[in-house]
Amino acid sequence: MKHVVPLPPADAVPAIGDAPHNAIDRAFHATIGSLTGGLSPMGLATAWFDWGVHLAGSPAKQAELQEKAIANAGRALQAAITCPLPPQGEACACMANDKRFRDPQWQSAPFNILAQWFLLTEDWWDAATTGVLGVAPRHAQMTNFAARQTLDMLAPSNYAATNPVVLERTRDEAGQNLVRGFHNWLEDLSRMDDRPHPGAGFEVGETLATTPGEVVYRNRLIELIRYRPPTKTVLAEPLLIVPAWIMKYYILDLSAQNSLVRFLVDQGIEVWMVSWLNPQAEDADLGMEDYLRLGVFDALDAIERAVPGQRIHTAGYCLGGTLLSIAAAALARDKDTRIASLTLLAAQVDFTEAGEITLFIDDSQVAFLEDIMAEQGYLKSDQMAGAFQMLRSNDLIWSRTIREYLLGERGTMNDLMAWNADATRMPARMHSEYLRQLFLENRLALGRYKVGGAPVSIEDITVPIFAVGTEKDHVAPWQSVWKITHLANGEKTFVLTSGGHNAGIVSEPGHPRRHYRIGDVQGHAGEADQWQAGLTPVDGSWWPAWTEWLAGRSRGVRAVPDECNPLDTLCPAPGSYVFG
């Protein structure tokens, strides 16, 4: 049954920056954005002003900070004397607990003094940007975050002259490490204007995304890939996977040994995968309705033509899970029963506690991004990645800078890193609607998000739900993913797995040091931490538990058809859109 979603009137959502008199402002903001990585300096300035004026009017807080500064200075002097002497005392404990200063060479003067002063300065600024009465909570978080980011940039470990490990390497190699580092920097610089690509030894269709399949449907936004299992029978219901358009789909089909797609088809599950178009300037007017209609509903219609009479298991990853939840709610609203189950992989439907990334999303920031996108037609991958990198700047920015540019070492590439380098863009209209309607206004969780001009509600979803959160997720914190259990009705199973946003999902059987918790959630769940405390971790991958869950909610098995008809094979997997 073809699901027709009437599009809203043309004036329901204003075009990005459509007022002619805004052209100068847009161009100005776009220029600033090229220097700030797409971040709005106006929003940060507002937060700093709020903090500054309230601190200026808080003499007791100022006195507390003065006392702390004097105490920290005394601790730093004490550490400078005691750290080099065995046994090292408590004054050096903070250095040992910070991986930037764990190398024994940091224990010798003057580097131990630099490290101690830096860590104590961090401690002081943390106290200065928290607990100031009257500051808006969001502004307090922003100033605290900005202070941490600034200090992380100024850490003595980031500079050759103040890093004893770099100095020793430079002496031992007569500066060749710096020569190699400069070469690495030039190499990275030369790639900035090129389309990001996986990397040496990792090629899409050759070493990545190699599970046999065929593209059987294509429209202007997606290619639909069908993977047929090598088994004689398959699970009765096919499985549609909707990845996020913020990423290339093959994160779920990396190398043969850690491909989720290959694992699923080996278990006798017929997998259908959406591969998104990487938008260009001419795609600027693609909106959330287009992604819903051309992405999810067209895929469901194509699968229904190929496998008539069968309901469809569905899974969505990250933004794809959010979109799939909207689709499931719209189908439930319209009494369309094609979906058999809904799996959400690190996906959010309620954005009230979406983690530190929300610090970058307010009216000022969204308006700033809209002006940038109005000039470009899309959000560039580096403008999008900058905010995510700052959430873990020590790991994703500064440690890499030290290793590759100061020590002259290129990190060993793996398939996940290669995929991460193959970034995508976001069309202007869609990204604006996503940020405003979901992040800023939280319409989906409030039952006010409209599909085809009418609101949808997550509460209408009654199909079985399998939701996966990851313990170290800085993009979609698992407590935020958990909120689906408060909103949806029907049977719900939640999984909390080790790892982060990507590594926790790409967690194949046999991967060392992996564990997960799994449990049914009765009714509208209570607190996430209570659920976690009541379950014992299970060693290994959560993938087999998911396939078992899918099998338990299926109508048995069916024979594998010999051909794809009535859908024609357009080209072999991985298709053409993945190379865009």
Protein backbone atom coordinates (compact mmCIF):
# COMPACT_ATOMS: atom_id res chain seq x y z
CA MET A 1 0.00 0.00 0.00
CA LYS A 2 1.57 3.22 -1.14
CA HIS A 3 1.66 5.78 1.65
CA VAL A 4 0.95 9.22 0.24
CA VAL A 5 1.97 12.15 2.43
CA PRO A 6 0.54 15.46 1.26
CA LEU A 7 3.21 18.11 1.37
CA PRO A 8 2.53 21.26 3.41
CA PRO A 9 1.73 24.48 1.59
CA ALA A 10 4.71 26.15 0.00
CA ASP A 11 4.63 29.02 2.51
CA ALA A 12 4.41 26.77 5.58
CA VAL A 13 8.17 26.71 5.96
CA PRO A 14 10.01 29.85 4.82
CA ALA A 15 12.92 29.42 2.48
CA ILE A 16 16.30 29.91 4.05
CA GLY A 17 17.21 33.59 3.96
CA ASP A 18 14.56 34.54 1.37
CA ALA A 19 14.40 38.25 2.29
CA PRO A 20 16.53 40.26 -0.16
CA HIS A 21 17.51 42.84 2.47
CA ASN A 22 19.19 40.06 4.48
CA ALA A 23 21.76 39.37 1.77
CA ILE A 24 24.47 41.56 3.33
CA ASP A 25 23.98 40.04 6.77
CA ARG A 26 24.03 36.51 5.33
CA ALA A 27 27.26 37.16 3.48
CA PHE A 28 28.82 38.69 6.59
CA HIS A 29 27.78 35.77 8.78
CA ALA A 30 29.01 33.28 6.19
CA THR A 31 32.41 34.99 6.23
CA ILE A 32 32.57 34.82 10.01
CA GLY A 33 31.45 31.21 9.88
CA SER A 34 34.38 30.29 7.68
CA LEU A 35 36.67 31.45 10.51
CA THR A 36 34.73 29.97 13.43
CA GLY A 37 33.92 26.54 12.02
CA GLY A 38 30.26 27.48 11.70
CA LEU A 39 29.85 28.47 15.36
CA SER A 40 28.05 31.67 16.27
CA PRO A 41 30.29 34.11 18.22
CA MET A 42 27.21 36.18 19.09
CA GLY A 43 25.66 33.38 21.12
CA LEU A 44 28.87 32.81 23.04
CA ALA A 45 29.34 36.55 23.63
CA THR A 46 25.85 36.71 25.14
CA ALA A 47 26.69 33.88 27.52
CA TRP A 48 30.00 35.47 28.56
CA PHE A 49 28.28 38.82 29.18
CA ASP A 50 25.62 37.14 31.34
CA TRP A 51 28.32 35.38 33.36
CA GLY A 52 30.57 38.43 33.59
CA VAL A 53 27.99 40.91 34.87
CA HIS A 54 26.66 38.47 37.46
CA LEU A 55 30.18 37.66 38.67
CA ALA A 56 30.93 41.37 38.89
CA GLY A 57 27.91 41.73 41.14
CA SER A 58 28.85 38.81 43.42
CA PRO A 59 31.54 39.98 45.89
CA ALA A 60 31.29 36.78 47.95
CA LYS A 61 31.95 34.66 44.86
CA GLN A 62 34.89 36.90 43.96
CA ALA A 63 36.36 36.47 47.44
CA GLU A 64 35.94 32.70 47.15
CA LEU A 65 37.81 32.71 43.84
CA GLN A 66 40.59 34.87 45.30
CA GLU A 67 41.03 32.39 48.14
CA LYS A 68 41.07 29.53 45.68
CA ALA A 69 43.69 31.26 43.53
CA ILE A 70 45.98 31.70 46.56
CA ALA A 71 45.43 28.10 47.68
CA ASN A 72 46.13 26.78 44.18
CA ALA A 73 49.31 28.83 43.95
CA GLY A 74 50.50 27.23 47.19
CA ARG A 75 49.66 23.78 45.89
CA ALA A 76 51.56 24.45 42.68
CA LEU A 77 54.69 25.53 44.59
CA GLN A 78 54.46 22.47 46.83
CA ALA A 79 54.07 20.20 43.80
CA ALA A 80 57.10 21.75 42.11
CA ILE A 81 59.21 20.61 45.08
CA THR A 82 57.65 17.23 45.86
CA CYS A 83 56.80 15.80 42.44
CA PRO A 84 60.39 14.98 41.41
CA LEU A 85 61.09 13.29 44.77
CA PRO A 86 60.19 9.65 45.45
CA PRO A 87 57.73 8.63 46.68
CA GLN A 88 55.52 11.10 44.88
CA GLY A 89 52.82 12.55 47.06
CA GLU A 90 49.24 13.58 46.63
CA ALA A 91 50.28 16.86 45.07
CA CYS A 92 51.15 14.97 41.87
CA ALA A 93 48.01 12.86 41.77
CA CYS A 94 46.17 15.18 39.41
CA MET A 95 49.01 14.86 36.88
CA ALA A 96 48.92 11.09 37.05
CA ASN A 97 45.15 11.12 36.48
CA ASP A 98 45.39 13.27 33.35
CA LYS A 99 46.56 11.24 30.36
CA ARG A 100 48.17 14.31 28.80
CA PHE A 101 50.78 14.29 31.58
CA ARG A 102 51.17 10.58 32.38
CA ASP A 103 54.57 10.20 30.76
CA PRO A 104 57.30 10.07 33.47
CA GLN A 105 59.14 12.94 31.75
CA TRP A 106 56.44 15.31 32.97
CA GLN A 107 57.61 14.66 36.57
CA SER A 108 60.85 16.57 36.09
CA ALA A 109 61.25 20.33 36.43
CA PRO A 110 60.28 22.66 34.87
CA PHE A 111 57.64 20.56 33.09
CA ASN A 112 56.03 19.38 36.31
CA ILE A 113 55.58 23.02 37.32
CA LEU A 114 53.96 23.86 33.98
CA ALA A 115 51.60 20.89 34.19
CA GLN A 116 50.61 21.65 37.77
CA TRP A 117 49.98 25.31 37.07
CA PHE A 118 47.90 24.37 34.05
CA LEU A 119 45.76 21.82 35.91
CA LEU A 120 45.23 24.15 38.83
CA THR A 121 44.29 26.93 36.42
CA GLU A 122 41.71 24.56 34.91
CA ASP A 123 40.43 23.89 38.42
CA TRP A 124 40.13 27.63 39.12
CA TRP A 125 38.26 28.39 35.91
CA ASP A 126 35.89 25.50 36.53
CA ALA A 127 35.04 27.07 39.90
CA ALA A 128 34.78 30.54 38.34
CA THR A 129 32.29 29.48 35.67
CA THR A 130 30.04 27.45 37.97
CA GLY A 131 27.90 28.49 40.92
CA VAL A 132 27.54 32.16 39.95
CA LEU A 133 24.07 33.16 41.17
CA GLY A 134 21.71 34.63 38.58
CA VAL A 135 23.40 33.29 35.45
CA ALA A 136 21.04 31.45 33.13
CA PRO A 137 21.81 27.71 33.39
CA ARG A 138 22.45 27.42 29.67
CA HIS A 139 24.82 30.40 29.72
CA ALA A 140 26.65 28.92 32.70
CA GLN A 141 27.15 25.67 30.80
CA MET A 142 28.33 27.55 27.71
CA THR A 143 30.90 29.63 29.60
CA ASN A 144 32.17 26.58 31.46
CA PHE A 145 32.48 24.66 28.18
CA ALA A 146 34.18 27.58 26.41
CA ALA A 147 36.66 27.98 29.28
CA ARG A 148 37.53 24.26 29.10
CA GLN A 149 37.98 24.43 25.34
CA THR A 150 40.23 27.49 25.56
CA LEU A 151 42.38 25.92 28.27
CA ASP A 152 42.58 22.63 26.39
CA MET A 153 44.02 24.58 23.48
CA LEU A 154 46.58 26.26 25.76
CA ALA A 155 47.73 23.07 27.49
CA PRO A 156 51.56 22.84 27.64
CA SER A 157 51.35 19.38 26.10
CA ASN A 158 50.22 20.94 22.80
CA TYR A 159 53.44 22.85 22.13
CA ALA A 160 56.85 21.53 21.20
CA ALA A 161 58.75 23.91 23.49
CA THR A 162 56.78 22.87 26.60
CA ASN A 163 56.27 19.16 25.94
CA PRO A 164 59.21 17.10 27.25
CA VAL A 165 58.22 14.06 25.16
CA VAL A 166 58.37 16.13 21.97
CA LEU A 167 61.62 17.78 23.02
CA GLU A 168 63.30 14.43 23.64
CA ARG A 169 62.04 13.04 20.33
CA THR A 170 63.28 16.16 18.54
CA ARG A 171 66.71 15.80 20.15
CA ASP A 172 66.96 12.08 19.42
CA GLU A 173 65.88 12.47 15.77
CA ALA A 174 67.65 15.77 15.10
CA GLY A 175 64.32 17.40 14.27
CA GLN A 176 63.17 14.85 11.71
CA ASN A 177 59.94 14.34 13.66
CA LEU A 178 59.06 17.99 13.07
CA VAL A 179 59.90 17.65 9.39
CA ARG A 180 57.56 14.66 9.11
CA GLY A 181 54.94 16.55 11.12
CA PHE A 182 55.15 19.53 8.76
CA HIS A 183 54.75 17.16 5.83
CA ASN A 184 51.69 15.61 7.51
CA TRP A 185 50.22 19.05 8.06
CA LEU A 186 50.76 20.05 4.42
CA GLU A 187 49.21 16.78 3.30
CA ASP A 188 46.13 17.36 5.45
CA LEU A 189 45.91 20.97 4.29
CA SER A 190 45.96 19.90 0.64
CA ARG A 191 42.97 17.63 1.23
CA MET A 192 40.77 20.28 2.85
CA ASP A 193 39.23 21.46 -0.43
CA ASP A 194 38.83 17.97 -1.85
CA ARG A 195 35.97 15.59 -1.23
CA PRO A 196 36.85 13.63 1.93
CA HIS A 197 37.76 10.06 1.11
CA PRO A 198 38.35 6.93 3.20
CA GLY A 199 42.13 6.61 2.97
CA ALA A 200 44.93 4.42 1.71
CA GLY A 201 44.06 0.75 1.71
CA PHE A 202 40.35 1.37 2.27
CA GLU A 203 38.22 1.67 -0.84
CA VAL A 204 34.44 1.58 -0.95
CA GLY A 205 33.30 -1.45 -2.91
CA GLU A 206 36.69 -3.14 -2.61
CA THR A 207 37.63 -3.33 1.08
CA LEU A 208 34.61 -1.48 2.51
CA ALA A 209 30.92 -2.04 1.77
CA THR A 210 31.58 -5.41 0.15
CA THR A 211 28.51 -7.43 1.17
CA PRO A 212 26.94 -8.67 -2.10
CA GLY A 213 23.76 -6.82 -2.99
CA GLU A 214 22.09 -4.78 -5.67
CA VAL A 215 20.51 -1.36 -6.01
CA VAL A 216 16.88 -2.01 -6.93
CA TYR A 217 15.36 1.44 -6.54
CA ARG A 218 16.59 5.00 -6.97
CA ASN A 219 15.06 8.46 -6.66
CA ARG A 220 16.63 11.89 -6.34
CA LEU A 221 17.45 11.32 -2.65
CA ILE A 222 18.12 7.62 -2.06
CA GLU A 223 19.35 4.40 -3.55
CA LEU A 224 17.74 1.30 -2.03
CA ILE A 225 20.09 -1.67 -1.73
CA ARG A 226 18.81 -5.21 -1.33
CA TYR A 227 21.01 -7.85 0.33
CA ARG A 228 19.82 -11.41 -0.10
CA PRO A 229 20.97 -14.00 2.46
CA PRO A 230 23.05 -17.01 1.36
CA THR A 231 20.67 -19.26 3.33
CA LYS A 232 17.91 -21.40 1.75
CA THR A 233 15.24 -19.71 3.83
CA VAL A 234 14.93 -16.21 5.25
CA LEU A 235 13.03 -14.58 8.06
CA ALA A 236 9.51 -13.98 6.80
CA GLU A 237 9.73 -10.22 7.27
CA PRO A 238 12.45 -8.23 5.49
CA LEU A 239 14.45 -5.63 7.44
CA LEU A 240 14.73 -2.01 6.27
CA ILE A 241 17.67 -0.06 7.71
CA VAL A 242 17.59 3.74 7.59
CA PRO A 243 21.03 5.19 8.43
CA ALA A 244 21.58 8.84 9.21
CA TRP A 245 22.14 11.15 6.25
CA ILE A 246 24.87 12.78 8.33
CA MET A 247 26.98 9.69 7.55
CA LYS A 248 27.63 7.26 4.70
CA TYR A 249 25.54 4.11 5.14
CA TYR A 250 28.49 1.72 5.03
CA ILE A 251 29.34 2.25 8.67
CA LEU A 252 26.96 -0.71 8.96
CA ASP A 253 28.84 -2.56 6.22
CA LEU A 254 32.50 -1.93 6.94
CA SER A 255 35.02 -4.74 6.55
CA ALA A 256 33.76 -8.30 6.24
CA GLN A 257 34.55 -9.15 9.87
CA ASN A 258 32.63 -6.24 11.43
CA SER A 259 29.82 -5.65 8.95
CA LEU A 260 26.41 -5.61 10.61
CA VAL A 261 24.78 -6.14 7.21
CA ARG A 262 26.85 -9.26 6.52
CA PHE A 263 26.10 -10.59 10.01
CA LEU A 264 22.35 -10.10 9.49
CA VAL A 265 22.20 -11.79 6.09
CA ASP A 266 24.27 -14.68 7.42
CA GLN A 267 21.55 -15.12 10.04
CA GLY A 268 18.96 -15.46 7.30
CA ILE A 269 17.58 -11.90 7.36
CA GLU A 270 16.84 -10.11 4.10
CA VAL A 271 18.27 -6.62 4.54
CA TRP A 272 17.28 -3.50 2.62
CA MET A 273 19.54 -0.49 3.11
CA VAL A 274 18.94 3.19 2.33
CA SER A 275 21.95 4.95 0.82
CA TRP A 276 21.46 8.73 0.93
CA LEU A 277 22.45 11.22 -1.74
CA ASN A 278 25.23 13.58 -0.64
CA PRO A 279 23.49 16.91 -1.39
CA GLN A 280 24.86 19.75 -3.48
CA ALA A 281 23.82 23.39 -3.69
CA GLU A 282 20.94 22.52 -6.04
CA ASP A 283 19.45 20.33 -3.29
CA ALA A 284 19.14 23.23 -0.83
CA ASP A 285 15.32 23.09 -0.78
CA LEU A 286 15.09 19.43 0.25
CA GLY A 287 13.29 19.40 3.60
CA MET A 288 12.35 16.94 6.31
CA GLU A 289 9.16 16.02 4.42
CA ASP A 290 11.31 15.10 1.41
CA TYR A 291 13.54 12.90 3.53
CA LEU A 292 10.49 11.24 5.01
CA ARG A 293 8.65 10.74 1.73
CA LEU A 294 11.56 9.96 -0.60
CA GLY A 295 13.62 8.21 2.06
CA VAL A 296 11.37 6.09 4.26
CA PHE A 297 7.99 5.87 2.55
CA ASP A 298 9.38 5.25 -0.94
CA ALA A 299 11.64 2.53 0.49
CA LEU A 300 8.70 0.86 2.23
CA ASP A 301 6.68 1.01 -0.99
CA ALA A 302 9.53 -0.58 -2.98
CA ILE A 303 9.95 -3.39 -0.46
CA GLU A 304 6.22 -4.01 -0.46
CA ARG A 305 6.28 -4.44 -4.24
CA ALA A 306 9.18 -6.87 -4.00
CA VAL A 307 7.91 -8.84 -1.00
CA PRO A 308 4.12 -8.51 -1.15
CA GLY A 309 2.05 -9.57 1.79
CA GLN A 310 4.83 -9.28 4.36
CA ARG A 311 5.16 -6.74 7.13
CA ILE A 312 8.56 -5.06 7.45
CA HIS A 313 10.98 -4.87 10.37
CA THR A 314 12.64 -1.44 10.47
CA ALA A 315 15.82 -0.08 12.05
CA GLY A 316 17.16 3.45 12.17
CA TYR A 317 20.58 4.69 13.19
CA CYS A 318 21.14 8.14 14.75
CA LEU A 319 19.20 10.74 12.72
CA GLY A 320 17.85 7.87 10.64
CA GLY A 321 16.24 6.50 13.78
CA THR A 322 14.64 9.86 14.52
CA LEU A 323 13.28 10.03 10.97
CA LEU A 324 12.08 6.43 11.19
CA SER A 325 10.28 7.19 14.46
CA ILE A 326 8.48 10.08 12.75
CA ALA A 327 7.54 7.75 9.91
CA ALA A 328 6.29 5.07 12.31
CA ALA A 329 4.18 7.64 14.16
CA ALA A 330 2.73 8.91 10.87
CA LEU A 331 1.91 5.36 9.72
CA ALA A 332 0.27 4.61 13.08
CA ARG A 333 -1.75 7.81 12.84
CA ASP A 334 -2.96 6.79 9.38
CA LYS A 335 -3.73 3.17 10.40
CA ASP A 336 -0.98 1.82 8.12
CA THR A 337 0.23 -1.47 9.63
CA ARG A 338 3.15 -2.35 7.36
CA ILE A 339 5.80 -1.92 10.06
CA ALA A 340 6.34 -5.06 12.14
CA SER A 341 8.87 -3.63 14.60
CA LEU A 342 11.02 -0.57 15.22
CA THR A 343 14.71 -0.72 16.19
CA LEU A 344 16.44 2.51 17.18
CA LEU A 345 20.25 2.56 17.26
CA ALA A 346 21.59 5.52 19.25
CA ALA A 347 18.60 7.55 18.09
CA GLN A 348 16.68 10.27 19.94
CA VAL A 349 13.03 11.29 19.85
CA ASP A 350 13.13 13.66 22.83
CA PHE A 351 15.82 16.35 22.74
CA THR A 352 15.44 17.89 26.19
CA GLU A 353 18.64 16.20 27.40
CA ALA A 354 20.58 15.62 24.21
CA GLY A 355 24.00 16.19 25.78
CA GLU A 356 26.59 18.93 25.39
CA ILE A 357 25.89 19.21 21.66
CA THR A 358 22.82 21.25 22.65
CA LEU A 359 25.21 24.01 23.79
CA PHE A 360 25.77 24.68 20.08
CA ILE A 361 22.07 24.79 19.25
CA ASP A 362 20.10 27.87 20.22
CA ASP A 363 18.28 30.55 18.26
CA SER A 364 21.47 32.52 17.70
CA GLN A 365 23.38 29.48 16.46
CA VAL A 366 20.59 28.22 14.22
CA ALA A 367 20.07 31.66 12.67
CA PHE A 368 23.82 31.86 12.10
CA LEU A 369 23.87 28.46 10.40
CA GLU A 370 20.86 29.38 8.28
CA ASP A 371 22.74 32.40 6.95
CA ILE A 372 25.77 30.26 6.17
CA MET A 373 23.64 27.63 4.44
CA ALA A 374 21.76 30.28 2.47
CA GLU A 375 25.06 31.25 0.87
CA GLN A 376 26.26 27.68 0.26
CA GLY A 377 23.00 25.75 -0.17
CA TYR A 378 24.18 23.16 2.37
CA LEU A 379 26.18 22.75 5.54
CA LYS A 380 29.72 21.57 4.81
CA SER A 381 30.97 18.46 6.50
CA ASP A 382 33.79 20.29 8.31
CA GLN A 383 31.37 22.92 9.63
CA MET A 384 29.23 20.13 11.04
CA ALA A 385 32.13 18.07 12.39
CA GLY A 386 33.72 20.95 14.29
CA ALA A 387 31.08 20.99 17.03
CA PHE A 388 31.28 17.21 17.52
CA GLN A 389 35.08 17.30 17.69
CA MET A 390 35.04 19.97 20.38
CA LEU A 391 32.94 17.71 22.60
CA ARG A 392 36.05 15.50 22.85
CA SER A 393 38.74 17.96 21.83
CA ASN A 394 41.54 16.30 23.80
CA ASP A 395 40.95 12.98 22.03
CA LEU A 396 39.88 14.17 18.59
CA ILE A 397 41.92 17.34 18.10
CA TRP A 398 44.86 17.90 20.43
CA SER A 399 46.14 14.35 20.90
CA ARG A 400 46.11 13.96 17.11
CA THR A 401 47.94 17.27 16.71
CA ILE A 402 50.67 16.12 19.09
CA ARG A 403 51.01 12.69 17.54
CA GLU A 404 50.91 13.63 13.86
CA TYR A 405 52.39 17.15 13.75
CA LEU A 406 54.83 17.27 16.69
CA LEU A 407 55.93 13.64 16.99
CA GLY A 408 55.60 13.05 13.26
CA GLU A 409 53.62 9.82 13.63
CA ARG A 410 50.72 8.91 11.40
CA GLY A 411 48.11 6.94 13.28
CA THR A 412 47.28 3.50 11.94
CA MET A 413 44.16 3.74 9.80
CA ASN A 414 41.32 1.32 10.42
CA ASP A 415 38.02 0.86 8.62
CA LEU A 416 36.01 2.94 11.11
CA MET A 417 38.47 5.84 10.83
CA ALA A 418 38.39 5.54 7.04
CA TRP A 419 34.60 5.74 7.07
CA ASN A 420 34.72 8.74 9.42
CA ALA A 421 36.85 10.62 6.90
CA ASP A 422 34.21 10.08 4.20
CA ALA A 423 31.96 12.88 5.40
CA THR A 424 28.66 14.20 4.05
CA ARG A 425 26.81 17.48 3.68
CA MET A 426 23.37 18.61 4.93
CA PRO A 427 20.86 20.48 2.70
CA ALA A 428 19.95 23.90 4.02
CA ARG A 429 16.18 23.52 4.36
CA MET A 430 16.28 20.09 6.00
CA HIS A 431 18.97 21.04 8.50
CA SER A 432 17.17 24.23 9.48
CA GLU A 433 13.89 22.37 10.00
CA TYR A 434 15.62 19.61 11.95
CA LEU A 435 17.39 22.01 14.31
CA ARG A 436 14.41 24.29 14.87
CA GLN A 437 11.55 21.80 15.08
CA LEU A 438 13.31 18.95 16.87
CA PHE A 439 16.24 20.37 18.84
CA LEU A 440 14.96 23.84 19.71
CA GLU A 441 11.21 23.22 19.96
CA ASN A 442 11.20 19.47 20.69
CA ARG A 443 8.00 19.13 18.69
CA LEU A 444 8.21 15.38 18.20
CA ALA A 445 8.23 14.56 21.91
CA LEU A 446 5.45 17.08 22.54
CA GLY A 447 3.19 15.63 19.83
CA ARG A 448 3.36 18.81 17.76
CA TYR A 449 5.55 17.66 14.87
CA LYS A 450 3.55 17.70 11.62
CA VAL A 451 3.70 15.23 8.76
CA GLY A 452 1.54 16.07 5.77
CA GLY A 453 0.09 19.03 7.63
CA ALA A 454 -1.16 17.04 10.63
CA PRO A 455 0.64 16.32 13.92
CA VAL A 456 2.06 12.92 14.79
CA SER A 457 2.61 11.41 18.22
CA ILE A 458 5.18 8.87 19.37
CA GLU A 459 2.48 7.58 21.73
CA ASP A 460 0.65 6.17 18.70
CA ILE A 461 3.50 3.71 18.07
CA THR A 462 2.44 0.31 19.38
CA VAL A 463 4.76 -2.03 17.43
CA PRO A 464 7.57 -3.74 19.40
CA ILE A 465 10.55 -1.45 19.96
CA PHE A 466 14.20 -2.44 20.39
CA ALA A 467 16.26 0.61 21.45
CA VAL A 468 20.04 0.63 21.78
CA GLY A 469 22.06 3.23 23.67
CA THR A 470 25.83 3.32 24.14
CA GLU A 471 27.59 4.06 27.41
CA LYS A 472 30.06 6.66 26.10
CA ASP A 473 27.88 8.36 23.50
CA HIS A 474 28.63 12.10 23.27
CA VAL A 475 26.30 12.58 20.28
CA ALA A 476 23.15 10.84 21.56
CA PRO A 477 23.62 10.19 25.30
CA TRP A 478 21.99 6.92 26.25
CA GLN A 479 19.81 8.58 28.88
CA SER A 480 18.35 10.63 26.02
CA VAL A 481 17.89 7.55 23.83
CA TRP A 482 16.11 5.97 26.82
CA LYS A 483 13.32 8.55 26.59
CA ILE A 484 11.57 6.53 23.86
CA THR A 485 10.50 4.22 26.69
CA HIS A 486 8.55 7.10 28.26
CA LEU A 487 6.74 8.01 25.06
CA ALA A 488 5.94 4.94 22.97
CA ASN A 489 3.33 2.35 23.85
CA GLY A 490 3.50 -1.39 23.44
CA GLU A 491 6.39 -3.77 24.04
CA LYS A 492 9.81 -2.16 24.60
CA THR A 493 13.25 -3.70 25.00
CA PHE A 494 16.26 -1.54 25.85
CA VAL A 495 19.94 -2.36 25.36
CA LEU A 496 22.84 -0.43 26.87
CA THR A 497 26.11 -1.43 25.26
CA SER A 498 29.73 -0.47 25.89
CA GLY A 499 31.47 1.91 23.52
CA GLY A 500 30.56 5.21 21.95
CA HIS A 501 28.15 6.44 19.29
CA ASN A 502 29.83 4.49 16.49
CA ALA A 503 31.99 1.84 18.13
CA GLY A 504 29.15 0.78 20.40
CA ILE A 505 26.93 0.03 17.42
CA VAL A 506 29.69 -1.55 15.32
CA SER A 507 30.28 -4.16 17.99
CA GLU A 508 30.61 -7.49 16.22
CA PRO A 509 30.81 -10.88 17.97
CA GLY A 510 34.37 -11.63 19.00
CA HIS A 511 35.25 -7.98 19.58
CA PRO A 512 37.31 -7.90 22.80
CA ARG A 513 36.17 -6.15 25.98
CA ARG A 514 32.55 -5.68 24.89
CA HIS A 515 29.51 -5.99 27.11
CA TYR A 516 25.89 -4.97 27.18
CA ARG A 517 22.81 -4.88 29.37
CA ILE A 518 19.43 -5.89 28.01
CA GLY A 519 15.99 -5.87 29.58
CA ASP A 520 12.32 -5.43 28.85
CA VAL A 521 10.76 -2.15 29.88
CA GLN A 522 7.31 -2.36 31.36
CA GLY A 523 4.81 0.38 30.63
CA HIS A 524 6.18 3.91 30.68
CA ALA A 525 9.59 3.42 32.22
CA GLY A 526 11.08 5.00 35.29
CA GLU A 527 14.57 6.41 35.62
CA ALA A 528 17.29 5.18 33.28
CA ASP A 529 19.84 4.79 36.08
CA GLN A 530 17.48 2.55 38.04
CA TRP A 531 17.02 0.30 35.01
CA GLN A 532 20.80 0.14 34.54
CA ALA A 533 21.46 -0.71 38.19
CA GLY A 534 19.01 -3.60 38.08
CA LEU A 535 20.77 -5.48 35.27
CA THR A 536 24.02 -7.45 35.16
CA PRO A 537 26.32 -6.81 32.17
CA VAL A 538 26.54 -9.60 29.59
CA ASP A 539 29.93 -10.13 27.93
CA GLY A 540 30.07 -9.96 24.16
CA SER A 541 28.16 -8.36 21.32
CA TRP A 542 24.50 -7.32 21.42
CA TRP A 543 24.04 -8.29 17.74
CA PRO A 544 22.96 -11.92 18.41
CA ALA A 545 20.47 -10.69 21.02
CA TRP A 546 18.93 -8.40 18.39
CA THR A 547 18.60 -11.10 15.73
CA GLU A 548 17.02 -13.38 18.33
CA TRP A 549 14.61 -10.57 19.23
CA LEU A 550 13.70 -10.06 15.55
CA ALA A 551 13.13 -13.79 15.05
CA GLY A 552 10.87 -13.87 18.09
CA ARG A 553 8.64 -11.20 16.54
CA SER A 554 8.41 -12.72 13.08
CA ARG A 555 5.98 -15.09 11.41
CA GLY A 556 8.47 -17.85 10.72
CA VAL A 557 10.53 -18.18 7.54
CA ARG A 558 10.00 -18.16 3.79
CA ALA A 559 11.93 -19.40 0.77
CA VAL A 560 14.53 -17.12 -0.81
CA PRO A 561 13.24 -15.86 -4.17
CA ASP A 562 15.53 -16.42 -7.15
CA GLU A 563 15.03 -12.96 -8.63
CA CYS A 564 14.32 -9.42 -7.49
CA ASN A 565 11.37 -8.84 -9.82
CA PRO A 566 9.17 -6.88 -9.91
CA LEU A 567 12.12 -4.57 -9.06
CA ASP A 568 14.92 -4.38 -11.60
CA THR A 569 18.57 -4.43 -10.62
CA LEU A 570 19.97 -0.98 -11.41
CA CYS A 571 23.58 -1.69 -10.39
CA PRO A 572 25.53 -3.77 -7.89
CA ALA A 573 26.00 -2.60 -4.31
CA PRO A 574 27.30 -0.26 -3.00
CA GLY A 575 25.62 1.79 -5.73
CA SER A 576 26.56 5.25 -6.96
CA TYR A 577 25.26 7.70 -4.31
CA VAL A 578 27.81 6.47 -1.77
CA PHE A 579 30.60 7.92 -3.94
CA GLY A 580 29.10 11.42 -3.97
